[in-house]
């Protein structure tokens, strides 16, 4: 299994509010495949700018994570999903 194969699997994962692929939206910033699969995701790109919308945003992120997990489980490999955007917000 190569990173390219994982990216192809993740193309089927949709952002629930837009229905667009998380790959096309640029949420996945990288994939590393060695002993396990590590997917680097920037969820800030899926977060609305409105502070009152943050609770809704966490529901969206949760839905995306569950869909990523479903896709990665198909590989039979161990995996990790790493959020990379938390400390980048200015």
Protein backbone atom coordinates (compact mmCIF):
# COMPACT_ATOMS: atom_id res chain seq x y z
CA UNK A 1 0.00 0.00 0.00
CA UNK A 2 1.40 3.38 -1.03
CA UNK A 3 0.46 6.94 -0.06
CA UNK A 4 -1.06 7.40 -3.51
CA UNK A 5 -3.38 4.43 -2.86
CA UNK A 6 -4.51 5.95 0.45
CA UNK A 7 -5.19 9.31 -1.20
CA UNK A 8 -7.35 7.51 -3.77
CA UNK A 9 -9.31 5.84 -0.94
CA UNK A 10 -9.79 9.19 0.79
CA UNK A 11 -11.21 10.79 -2.36
CA UNK A 12 -14.48 9.07 -1.46
CA UNK A 13 -14.60 10.82 1.93
CA UNK A 14 -16.88 13.84 1.64
CA UNK A 15 -17.10 16.99 3.73
CA UNK A 16 -20.71 16.71 4.96
CA UNK A 17 -21.84 20.30 4.42
CA UNK A 18 -20.53 20.66 0.87
CA UNK A 19 -20.44 17.07 -0.36
CA UNK A 20 -16.97 17.71 -1.78
CA UNK A 21 -14.06 15.33 -1.37
CA UNK A 22 -11.72 16.10 1.53
CA UNK A 23 -8.89 15.64 -0.97
CA UNK A 24 -10.32 18.23 -3.37
CA UNK A 25 -10.87 20.65 -0.48
CA UNK A 26 -7.24 20.31 0.58
CA UNK A 27 -8.02 18.99 4.06
CA UNK A 28 -5.50 16.16 3.73
CA UNK A 29 -2.03 17.64 3.88
CA UNK A 30 -0.08 14.41 3.68
CA UNK A 31 -0.01 10.64 4.00
CA UNK A 32 2.86 8.48 5.18
CA UNK A 33 2.78 4.70 4.84
CA UNK A 34 5.37 2.62 6.70
CA UNK A 35 4.46 0.17 9.46
CA UNK A 36 1.18 2.07 9.75
CA UNK A 37 -0.74 4.67 7.80
CA UNK A 38 -0.51 8.23 9.08
CA UNK A 39 -2.91 10.76 7.57
CA UNK A 40 -2.23 14.44 8.27
CA UNK A 41 -5.44 16.48 8.17
CA UNK A 42 -5.96 20.23 8.58
CA UNK A 43 -9.46 20.54 10.01
CA UNK A 44 -9.21 24.33 10.27
CA UNK A 45 -10.07 24.44 6.58
CA UNK A 46 -13.44 22.88 7.46
CA UNK A 47 -14.13 25.25 10.37
CA UNK A 48 -16.37 28.26 9.91
CA UNK A 49 -14.96 31.62 10.98
CA UNK A 50 -17.98 32.33 13.17
CA UNK A 51 -17.29 31.58 16.85
CA UNK A 52 -20.94 30.72 17.44
CA UNK A 53 -20.61 27.99 14.79
CA UNK A 54 -17.78 26.15 16.57
CA UNK A 55 -20.07 23.50 18.16
CA UNK A 56 -21.41 22.68 14.72
CA UNK A 57 -17.87 22.56 13.35
CA UNK A 58 -16.91 19.87 15.86
CA UNK A 59 -19.82 17.75 14.65
CA UNK A 60 -18.56 18.18 11.08
CA UNK A 61 -15.00 17.24 12.06
CA UNK A 62 -16.31 14.18 13.92
CA UNK A 63 -18.22 13.07 10.83
CA UNK A 64 -15.13 13.50 8.66
CA UNK A 65 -12.96 11.52 11.09
CA UNK A 66 -15.47 8.65 11.15
CA UNK A 67 -15.50 8.55 7.34
CA UNK A 68 -11.69 8.60 7.20
CA UNK A 69 -11.61 5.72 9.69
CA UNK A 70 -14.07 3.71 7.60
CA UNK A 71 -11.91 4.22 4.51
CA UNK A 72 -8.67 3.31 6.31
CA UNK A 73 -10.17 0.21 7.96
CA UNK A 74 -10.55 -1.25 4.46
CA UNK A 75 -6.75 -1.44 4.20
CA UNK A 76 -6.40 -3.80 7.16
CA UNK A 77 -3.42 -1.73 8.37
CA UNK A 78 -3.00 0.20 11.60
CA UNK A 79 -3.56 3.90 11.12
CA UNK A 80 -3.41 7.29 12.82
CA UNK A 81 -5.17 10.50 11.92
CA UNK A 82 -3.10 13.54 12.92
CA UNK A 83 -4.66 17.00 13.05
CA UNK A 84 -2.07 19.51 11.86
CA UNK A 85 -3.90 22.83 11.81
CA UNK A 86 -4.69 23.51 15.47
CA UNK A 87 -1.62 25.57 16.25
CA UNK A 88 -1.44 27.39 12.92
CA UNK A 89 -4.42 29.69 13.39
CA UNK A 90 -3.40 33.31 13.80
